[in-house]
């Protein structure tokens, strides 16, 4: 699962330059050091329908035309912060969007929980590229209001964890699967947005993962507490003497 991300770029220009796309409303852009998916901040996405624009989206895909004021209630019943890769084509909800409404979800880091028997609660590990650059998570989106200022919602696609992620996110889901967010290689971002309804290409991309190197380290447990964790120091390394994991 991937429920916690960061996008710390102070200026929207950094996103525009990296993805060769523009914000229609750049003054609304706000960076975040920690975005808990249950909150009401905005994801920054690039839609298949308009790959030259960066749009704002609520996290957690909602049915087309859904009332945004009912988002919290919907997510409590149907958690769509993530979309499981293996079920995209068979899910009654997600199969409406995987063919024609794919998106890039922009981030510069994310947090994954680690369980250690000697530490109460989960220890969050922060992941970022070694070069600290922005990257794109594979996602799907819906249109919940197509008015003058359209509203979108989106889900991050997750895939089976590789050895590093399985070592960190060491608790499987209810189906016994260890998960990680599907991060696209930069060379695959164009195809993710432009392959239209080519199911073979889509499936190939769903089984890829970025070749860029990540670094990871433990951070404050405030990530998982009801305190203000959207602050610059939240991505600082925290050493836990009891922590047994090693790299």
C-alpha atoms as a PDB file:
ATOM      1  CA  UNK A   1       0.000   0.000   0.000  1.00  0.00           C
ATOM      2  CA  UNK A   2       1.084   3.582  -0.567  1.00  0.00           C
ATOM      3  CA  UNK A   3      -0.865   6.038   1.565  1.00  0.00           C
ATOM      4  CA  UNK A   4       1.817   8.625   2.353  1.00  0.00           C
ATOM      5  CA  UNK A   5       3.824  10.699  -0.152  1.00  0.00           C
ATOM      6  CA  UNK A   6       5.802  13.917  -0.438  1.00  0.00           C
ATOM      7  CA  UNK A   7       6.239  16.603  -3.068  1.00  0.00           C
ATOM      8  CA  UNK A   8       8.611  19.150  -1.570  1.00  0.00           C
ATOM      9  CA  UNK A   9       9.372  21.305  -4.592  1.00  0.00           C
ATOM     10  CA  UNK A  10       8.751  24.892  -3.508  1.00  0.00           C
ATOM     11  CA  UNK A  11       7.959  26.158  -6.997  1.00  0.00           C
ATOM     12  CA  UNK A  12       5.538  24.673  -9.495  1.00  0.00           C
ATOM     13  CA  UNK A  13       8.161  25.398 -12.157  1.00  0.00           C
ATOM     14  CA  UNK A  14      10.136  22.319 -11.067  1.00  0.00           C
ATOM     15  CA  UNK A  15       7.203  20.037 -11.915  1.00  0.00           C
ATOM     16  CA  UNK A  16       6.549  21.816 -15.188  1.00  0.00           C
ATOM     17  CA  UNK A  17      10.177  21.533 -16.290  1.00  0.00           C
ATOM     18  CA  UNK A  18      10.521  17.865 -15.310  1.00  0.00           C
ATOM     19  CA  UNK A  19       7.359  16.716 -17.115  1.00  0.00           C
ATOM     20  CA  UNK A  20       7.193  19.323 -19.899  1.00  0.00           C
ATOM     21  CA  UNK A  21       3.650  20.240 -18.846  1.00  0.00           C
ATOM     22  CA  UNK A  22       2.029  23.333 -17.344  1.00  0.00           C
ATOM     23  CA  UNK A  23      -0.349  24.173 -14.503  1.00  0.00           C
ATOM     24  CA  UNK A  24      -3.510  25.975 -15.573  1.00  0.00           C
ATOM     25  CA  UNK A  25      -3.730  27.468 -12.065  1.00  0.00           C
ATOM     26  CA  UNK A  26      -0.107  27.614 -10.825  1.00  0.00           C
ATOM     27  CA  UNK A  27      -0.891  29.921  -7.894  1.00  0.00           C
ATOM     28  CA  UNK A  28      -2.909  27.143  -6.235  1.00  0.00           C
ATOM     29  CA  UNK A  29       0.151  24.859  -6.116  1.00  0.00           C
ATOM     30  CA  UNK A  30       1.354  23.957  -2.615  1.00  0.00           C
ATOM     31  CA  UNK A  31       4.266  21.662  -1.760  1.00  0.00           C
ATOM     32  CA  UNK A  32       3.974  19.085   1.009  1.00  0.00           C
ATOM     33  CA  UNK A  33       6.537  17.213   3.084  1.00  0.00           C
ATOM     34  CA  UNK A  34       3.935  14.647   4.089  1.00  0.00           C
ATOM     35  CA  UNK A  35       0.557  14.006   2.491  1.00  0.00           C
ATOM     36  CA  UNK A  36      -1.549  11.362   4.227  1.00  0.00           C
ATOM     37  CA  UNK A  37      -3.955  10.019   1.620  1.00  0.00           C
ATOM     38  CA  UNK A  38      -6.942  10.382   3.944  1.00  0.00           C
ATOM     39  CA  UNK A  39      -6.396  14.150   4.041  1.00  0.00           C
ATOM     40  CA  UNK A  40      -7.879  16.637   1.609  1.00  0.00           C
ATOM     41  CA  UNK A  41      -4.711  17.964  -0.018  1.00  0.00           C
ATOM     42  CA  UNK A  42      -4.271  17.630  -3.789  1.00  0.00           C
ATOM     43  CA  UNK A  43      -2.282  15.171  -5.810  1.00  0.00           C
ATOM     44  CA  UNK A  44      -0.599  16.614  -8.887  1.00  0.00           C
ATOM     45  CA  UNK A  45      -1.397  14.503 -11.927  1.00  0.00           C
ATOM     46  CA  UNK A  46      -0.900  14.465 -15.693  1.00  0.00           C
ATOM     47  CA  UNK A  47      -3.900  12.959 -17.448  1.00  0.00           C
ATOM     48  CA  UNK A  48      -3.962  10.748 -20.527  1.00  0.00           C
ATOM     49  CA  UNK A  49      -6.590  13.074 -22.004  1.00  0.00           C
ATOM     50  CA  UNK A  50      -4.360  16.159 -21.686  1.00  0.00           C
ATOM     51  CA  UNK A  51      -0.683  15.179 -21.290  1.00  0.00           C
ATOM     52  CA  UNK A  52       0.550  18.766 -21.597  1.00  0.00           C
ATOM     53  CA  UNK A  53      -1.229  19.932 -18.421  1.00  0.00           C
ATOM     54  CA  UNK A  54      -0.704  19.289 -14.716  1.00  0.00           C
ATOM     55  CA  UNK A  55      -3.974  19.035 -12.831  1.00  0.00           C
ATOM     56  CA  UNK A  56      -5.078  18.801  -9.206  1.00  0.00           C
ATOM     57  CA  UNK A  57      -6.805  15.628  -8.022  1.00  0.00           C
ATOM     58  CA  UNK A  58      -8.306  14.264  -4.824  1.00  0.00           C
ATOM     59  CA  UNK A  59      -6.525  11.143  -3.638  1.00  0.00           C
ATOM     60  CA  UNK A  60      -8.785   8.095  -3.840  1.00  0.00           C
ATOM     61  CA  UNK A  61     -10.587   7.390  -7.095  1.00  0.00           C
ATOM     62  CA  UNK A  62     -14.297   8.192  -6.949  1.00  0.00           C
ATOM     63  CA  UNK A  63     -16.948   7.116  -9.484  1.00  0.00           C
ATOM     64  CA  UNK A  64     -17.508   9.530 -12.352  1.00  0.00           C
ATOM     65  CA  UNK A  65     -19.656  12.480 -11.249  1.00  0.00           C
ATOM     66  CA  UNK A  66     -19.464  11.531  -7.562  1.00  0.00           C
ATOM     67  CA  UNK A  67     -20.192  14.168  -4.934  1.00  0.00           C
ATOM     68  CA  UNK A  68     -16.777  15.220  -3.590  1.00  0.00           C
ATOM     69  CA  UNK A  69     -18.311  16.155  -0.222  1.00  0.00           C
ATOM     70  CA  UNK A  70     -18.995  12.408   0.296  1.00  0.00           C
ATOM     71  CA  UNK A  71     -15.369  11.418  -0.374  1.00  0.00           C
ATOM     72  CA  UNK A  72     -14.485  10.498   3.235  1.00  0.00           C
ATOM     73  CA  UNK A  73     -17.550   8.288   3.587  1.00  0.00           C
ATOM     74  CA  UNK A  74     -16.809   6.575   0.248  1.00  0.00           C
ATOM     75  CA  UNK A  75     -13.166   5.883   1.185  1.00  0.00           C
ATOM     76  CA  UNK A  76     -14.164   4.388   4.531  1.00  0.00           C
ATOM     77  CA  UNK A  77     -16.305   1.839   2.703  1.00  0.00           C
ATOM     78  CA  UNK A  78     -14.231   1.433  -0.471  1.00  0.00           C
ATOM     79  CA  UNK A  79     -10.586   2.341   0.013  1.00  0.00           C
ATOM     80  CA  UNK A  80      -9.372   3.464  -3.407  1.00  0.00           C
ATOM     81  CA  UNK A  81      -6.200   5.297  -2.393  1.00  0.00           C
ATOM     82  CA  UNK A  82      -4.455   2.447  -4.194  1.00  0.00           C
ATOM     83  CA  UNK A  83      -5.448   0.314  -7.168  1.00  0.00           C
ATOM     84  CA  UNK A  84      -4.093  -3.247  -7.216  1.00  0.00           C
ATOM     85  CA  UNK A  85      -2.348  -3.955 -10.523  1.00  0.00           C
ATOM     86  CA  UNK A  86      -3.620  -7.531 -10.691  1.00  0.00           C
ATOM     87  CA  UNK A  87      -7.274  -6.452 -10.458  1.00  0.00           C
ATOM     88  CA  UNK A  88      -7.339  -3.407 -12.715  1.00  0.00           C
ATOM     89  CA  UNK A  89      -9.021  -5.152 -15.645  1.00  0.00           C
ATOM     90  CA  UNK A  90     -11.496  -7.177 -13.598  1.00  0.00           C
ATOM     91  CA  UNK A  91     -12.580  -4.616 -11.005  1.00  0.00           C
ATOM     92  CA  UNK A  92     -15.995  -3.114 -11.787  1.00  0.00           C
ATOM     93  CA  UNK A  93     -14.670   0.284 -10.721  1.00  0.00           C
ATOM     94  CA  UNK A  94     -11.115   0.395 -12.065  1.00  0.00           C
ATOM     95  CA  UNK A  95     -11.720  -1.346 -15.380  1.00  0.00           C
ATOM     96  CA  UNK A  96     -13.663   1.748 -16.476  1.00  0.00           C
ATOM     97  CA  UNK A  97     -10.499   3.836 -16.303  1.00  0.00           C
ATOM     98  CA  UNK A  98      -7.417   1.693 -17.021  1.00  0.00           C
ATOM     99  CA  UNK A  99      -7.944   1.857 -20.805  1.00  0.00           C
ATOM    100  CA  UNK A 100      -8.584   5.571 -21.334  1.00  0.00           C
ATOM    101  CA  UNK A 101      -8.006   7.423 -18.061  1.00  0.00           C
ATOM    102  CA  UNK A 102      -4.474   6.660 -16.968  1.00  0.00           C
ATOM    103  CA  UNK A 103      -2.322   9.311 -15.355  1.00  0.00           C
ATOM    104  CA  UNK A 104       1.070  10.132 -13.931  1.00  0.00           C
ATOM    105  CA  UNK A 105       1.040  11.055 -10.240  1.00  0.00           C
ATOM    106  CA  UNK A 106       3.961  13.324  -9.406  1.00  0.00           C
ATOM    107  CA  UNK A 107       5.989  12.884  -6.210  1.00  0.00           C
ATOM    108  CA  UNK A 108       9.518  13.202  -4.875  1.00  0.00           C
ATOM    109  CA  UNK A 109       9.180  10.630  -2.088  1.00  0.00           C
ATOM    110  CA  UNK A 110       6.884   8.345  -0.141  1.00  0.00           C
ATOM    111  CA  UNK A 111       6.697   6.545   3.193  1.00  0.00           C
ATOM    112  CA  UNK A 112       6.308   2.816   3.894  1.00  0.00           C
ATOM    113  CA  UNK A 113       5.667   1.122   7.281  1.00  0.00           C
ATOM    114  CA  UNK A 114       8.060  -1.417   8.808  1.00  0.00           C
ATOM    115  CA  UNK A 115       7.216  -3.767  11.652  1.00  0.00           C
ATOM    116  CA  UNK A 116       9.810  -4.640  14.297  1.00  0.00           C
ATOM    117  CA  UNK A 117       8.841  -6.839  17.273  1.00  0.00           C
ATOM    118  CA  UNK A 118      10.820  -4.661  19.693  1.00  0.00           C
ATOM    119  CA  UNK A 119       9.263  -1.358  18.631  1.00  0.00           C
ATOM    120  CA  UNK A 120       5.714  -0.310  19.390  1.00  0.00           C
ATOM    121  CA  UNK A 121       3.800   0.656  16.281  1.00  0.00           C
ATOM    122  CA  UNK A 122       5.206   0.863  12.771  1.00  0.00           C
ATOM    123  CA  UNK A 123       8.482   2.535  11.880  1.00  0.00           C
ATOM    124  CA  UNK A 124       8.062   4.662   8.738  1.00  0.00           C
ATOM    125  CA  UNK A 125      10.794   4.485   6.117  1.00  0.00           C
ATOM    126  CA  UNK A 126      11.160   7.326   3.650  1.00  0.00           C
ATOM    127  CA  UNK A 127      11.964   6.499   0.013  1.00  0.00           C
ATOM    128  CA  UNK A 128      13.424   8.959  -2.458  1.00  0.00           C
ATOM    129  CA  UNK A 129      15.545   8.716  -5.576  1.00  0.00           C
ATOM    130  CA  UNK A 130      19.263   8.856  -4.868  1.00  0.00           C
ATOM    131  CA  UNK A 131      19.464  11.906  -7.114  1.00  0.00           C
ATOM    132  CA  UNK A 132      16.510  13.494  -5.214  1.00  0.00           C
ATOM    133  CA  UNK A 133      14.625  14.065  -8.481  1.00  0.00           C
ATOM    134  CA  UNK A 134      10.881  13.984  -9.073  1.00  0.00           C
ATOM    135  CA  UNK A 135       9.337  10.760 -10.371  1.00  0.00           C
ATOM    136  CA  UNK A 136       5.991   9.503 -11.671  1.00  0.00           C
ATOM    137  CA  UNK A 137       3.729   6.943 -10.030  1.00  0.00           C
ATOM    138  CA  UNK A 138       1.396   5.091 -12.374  1.00  0.00           C
ATOM    139  CA  UNK A 139      -2.233   5.960 -11.687  1.00  0.00           C
ATOM    140  CA  UNK A 140      -5.793   6.020 -12.946  1.00  0.00           C
ATOM    141  CA  UNK A 141      -8.186   8.948 -12.608  1.00  0.00           C
ATOM    142  CA  UNK A 142     -11.859   9.836 -12.824  1.00  0.00           C
ATOM    143  CA  UNK A 143     -13.694  13.045 -13.637  1.00  0.00           C
ATOM    144  CA  UNK A 144     -15.978  13.983 -10.759  1.00  0.00           C
ATOM    145  CA  UNK A 145     -16.993  17.401 -12.099  1.00  0.00           C
ATOM    146  CA  UNK A 146     -16.503  18.433 -15.721  1.00  0.00           C
ATOM    147  CA  UNK A 147     -17.553  22.065 -15.232  1.00  0.00           C
ATOM    148  CA  UNK A 148     -15.587  25.265 -15.838  1.00  0.00           C
ATOM    149  CA  UNK A 149     -12.986  24.154 -13.283  1.00  0.00           C
ATOM    150  CA  UNK A 150     -13.026  20.342 -13.576  1.00  0.00           C
ATOM    151  CA  UNK A 151     -12.425  18.159 -10.533  1.00  0.00           C
ATOM    152  CA  UNK A 152     -10.534  14.872 -10.679  1.00  0.00           C
ATOM    153  CA  UNK A 153      -9.787  11.978  -8.351  1.00  0.00           C
ATOM    154  CA  UNK A 154      -6.982   9.435  -8.694  1.00  0.00           C
ATOM    155  CA  UNK A 155      -5.542   6.199  -7.326  1.00  0.00           C
ATOM    156  CA  UNK A 156      -1.917   5.058  -7.179  1.00  0.00           C
ATOM    157  CA  UNK A 157      -1.378   1.644  -8.769  1.00  0.00           C
ATOM    158  CA  UNK A 158       0.498  -0.869  -6.621  1.00  0.00           C
ATOM    159  CA  UNK A 159       2.364  -3.973  -7.719  1.00  0.00           C
ATOM    160  CA  UNK A 160       4.084  -6.968  -6.114  1.00  0.00           C
ATOM    161  CA  UNK A 161       7.000  -5.765  -3.994  1.00  0.00           C
ATOM    162  CA  UNK A 162      10.599  -6.302  -5.065  1.00  0.00           C
ATOM    163  CA  UNK A 163      13.109  -7.591  -2.447  1.00  0.00           C
ATOM    164  CA  UNK A 164      13.963  -4.124  -1.091  1.00  0.00           C
ATOM    165  CA  UNK A 165      10.343  -3.089  -0.629  1.00  0.00           C
ATOM    166  CA  UNK A 166       9.380  -6.465   0.815  1.00  0.00           C
ATOM    167  CA  UNK A 167      12.168  -6.075   3.363  1.00  0.00           C
ATOM    168  CA  UNK A 168      10.884  -2.656   4.422  1.00  0.00           C
ATOM    169  CA  UNK A 169       7.125  -3.077   4.020  1.00  0.00           C
ATOM    170  CA  UNK A 170       7.245  -6.473   5.706  1.00  0.00           C
ATOM    171  CA  UNK A 171       3.534  -6.913   6.466  1.00  0.00           C
ATOM    172  CA  UNK A 172       1.466  -8.492   3.674  1.00  0.00           C
ATOM    173  CA  UNK A 173      -2.038  -7.389   2.801  1.00  0.00           C
ATOM    174  CA  UNK A 174      -5.152  -9.476   3.448  1.00  0.00           C
ATOM    175  CA  UNK A 175      -4.379 -11.627   0.388  1.00  0.00           C
ATOM    176  CA  UNK A 176      -0.826 -12.352   1.557  1.00  0.00           C
ATOM    177  CA  UNK A 177       0.747 -10.033  -1.016  1.00  0.00           C
ATOM    178  CA  UNK A 178       3.605  -7.620  -0.295  1.00  0.00           C
ATOM    179  CA  UNK A 179       3.076  -4.363  -2.168  1.00  0.00           C
ATOM    180  CA  UNK A 180       4.923  -1.345  -3.517  1.00  0.00           C
ATOM    181  CA  UNK A 181       3.788   1.620  -5.636  1.00  0.00           C
ATOM    182  CA  UNK A 182       4.302   1.223  -9.364  1.00  0.00           C
ATOM    183  CA  UNK A 183       6.930   3.826 -10.260  1.00  0.00           C
ATOM    184  CA  UNK A 184       7.415   4.246 -13.979  1.00  0.00           C
ATOM    185  CA  UNK A 185      10.765   4.481 -15.621  1.00  0.00           C
ATOM    186  CA  UNK A 186      11.031   7.965 -17.208  1.00  0.00           C
ATOM    187  CA  UNK A 187      11.328   6.327 -20.628  1.00  0.00           C
ATOM    188  CA  UNK A 188       7.917   4.659 -20.088  1.00  0.00           C
ATOM    189  CA  UNK A 189       5.991   7.749 -18.990  1.00  0.00           C
ATOM    190  CA  UNK A 190       5.122   8.764 -22.555  1.00  0.00           C
ATOM    191  CA  UNK A 191       3.758   5.311 -23.436  1.00  0.00           C
ATOM    192  CA  UNK A 192       1.683   5.199 -20.231  1.00  0.00           C
ATOM    193  CA  UNK A 193      -0.146   8.329 -21.386  1.00  0.00           C
ATOM    194  CA  UNK A 194      -0.239   7.708 -25.128  1.00  0.00           C
ATOM    195  CA  UNK A 195      -0.883   3.984 -25.663  1.00  0.00           C
ATOM    196  CA  UNK A 196      -4.654   4.480 -25.816  1.00  0.00           C
ATOM    197  CA  UNK A 197      -6.473   1.139 -25.610  1.00  0.00           C
ATOM    198  CA  UNK A 198      -3.545  -1.156 -26.447  1.00  0.00           C
ATOM    199  CA  UNK A 199      -3.996  -3.714 -23.683  1.00  0.00           C
ATOM    200  CA  UNK A 200      -0.741  -5.513 -24.514  1.00  0.00           C
ATOM    201  CA  UNK A 201       1.314  -2.348 -24.028  1.00  0.00           C
ATOM    202  CA  UNK A 202      -0.628  -1.422 -20.891  1.00  0.00           C
ATOM    203  CA  UNK A 203       0.023  -4.872 -19.393  1.00  0.00           C
ATOM    204  CA  UNK A 204       3.704  -4.645 -20.255  1.00  0.00           C
ATOM    205  CA  UNK A 205       3.986  -1.289 -18.506  1.00  0.00           C
ATOM    206  CA  UNK A 206       2.110  -2.639 -15.481  1.00  0.00           C
ATOM    207  CA  UNK A 207       4.895  -5.203 -15.069  1.00  0.00           C
ATOM    208  CA  UNK A 208       7.738  -2.687 -15.203  1.00  0.00           C
ATOM    209  CA  UNK A 209       9.427  -0.600 -12.519  1.00  0.00           C
ATOM    210  CA  UNK A 210      11.823   2.317 -12.682  1.00  0.00           C
ATOM    211  CA  UNK A 211      15.507   1.557 -13.173  1.00  0.00           C
ATOM    212  CA  UNK A 212      16.410   4.645 -11.125  1.00  0.00           C
ATOM    213  CA  UNK A 213      17.997   3.898  -7.760  1.00  0.00           C
ATOM    214  CA  UNK A 214      16.196   4.631  -4.517  1.00  0.00           C
ATOM    215  CA  UNK A 215      17.537   5.311  -1.061  1.00  0.00           C
ATOM    216  CA  UNK A 216      15.547   4.647   2.099  1.00  0.00           C
ATOM    217  CA  UNK A 217      15.929   5.289   5.806  1.00  0.00           C
ATOM    218  CA  UNK A 218      13.733   5.450   8.946  1.00  0.00           C
ATOM    219  CA  UNK A 219      11.982   8.673   9.913  1.00  0.00           C
ATOM    220  CA  UNK A 220       9.775   9.901  12.748  1.00  0.00           C
ATOM    221  CA  UNK A 221       6.755   7.858  13.826  1.00  0.00           C
ATOM    222  CA  UNK A 222       4.831  11.134  13.750  1.00  0.00           C
ATOM    223  CA  UNK A 223       3.990  10.054  10.200  1.00  0.00           C
ATOM    224  CA  UNK A 224       1.450   7.640  11.672  1.00  0.00           C
ATOM    225  CA  UNK A 225       0.237   9.814  14.541  1.00  0.00           C
ATOM    226  CA  UNK A 226      -2.478  12.456  14.763  1.00  0.00           C
ATOM    227  CA  UNK A 227      -0.016  15.324  14.907  1.00  0.00           C
ATOM    228  CA  UNK A 228       1.186  17.862  12.371  1.00  0.00           C
ATOM    229  CA  UNK A 229       3.640  15.868  10.277  1.00  0.00           C
ATOM    230  CA  UNK A 230       3.620  18.120   7.218  1.00  0.00           C
ATOM    231  CA  UNK A 231       6.837  19.841   8.224  1.00  0.00           C
ATOM    232  CA  UNK A 232      10.381  20.025   6.772  1.00  0.00           C
ATOM    233  CA  UNK A 233      12.058  17.862   9.413  1.00  0.00           C
ATOM    234  CA  UNK A 234       9.701  14.929   8.847  1.00  0.00           C
ATOM    235  CA  UNK A 235      11.996  13.521   6.148  1.00  0.00           C
ATOM    236  CA  UNK A 236      15.048  13.654   8.445  1.00  0.00           C
ATOM    237  CA  UNK A 237      16.605  10.328   9.388  1.00  0.00           C
ATOM    238  CA  UNK A 238      15.727   8.986  12.846  1.00  0.00           C
ATOM    239  CA  UNK A 239      17.795   6.213  14.399  1.00  0.00           C
ATOM    240  CA  UNK A 240      15.963   3.528  16.384  1.00  0.00           C
ATOM    241  CA  UNK A 241      18.469   1.556  18.536  1.00  0.00           C
ATOM    242  CA  UNK A 242      16.133  -1.464  18.645  1.00  0.00           C
ATOM    243  CA  UNK A 243      15.669  -1.633  14.877  1.00  0.00           C
ATOM    244  CA  UNK A 244      17.072  -4.889  13.502  1.00  0.00           C
ATOM    245  CA  UNK A 245      16.856  -4.282   9.777  1.00  0.00           C
ATOM    246  CA  UNK A 246      20.113  -3.781   7.915  1.00  0.00           C
ATOM    247  CA  UNK A 247      21.101  -3.131   4.310  1.00  0.00           C
END
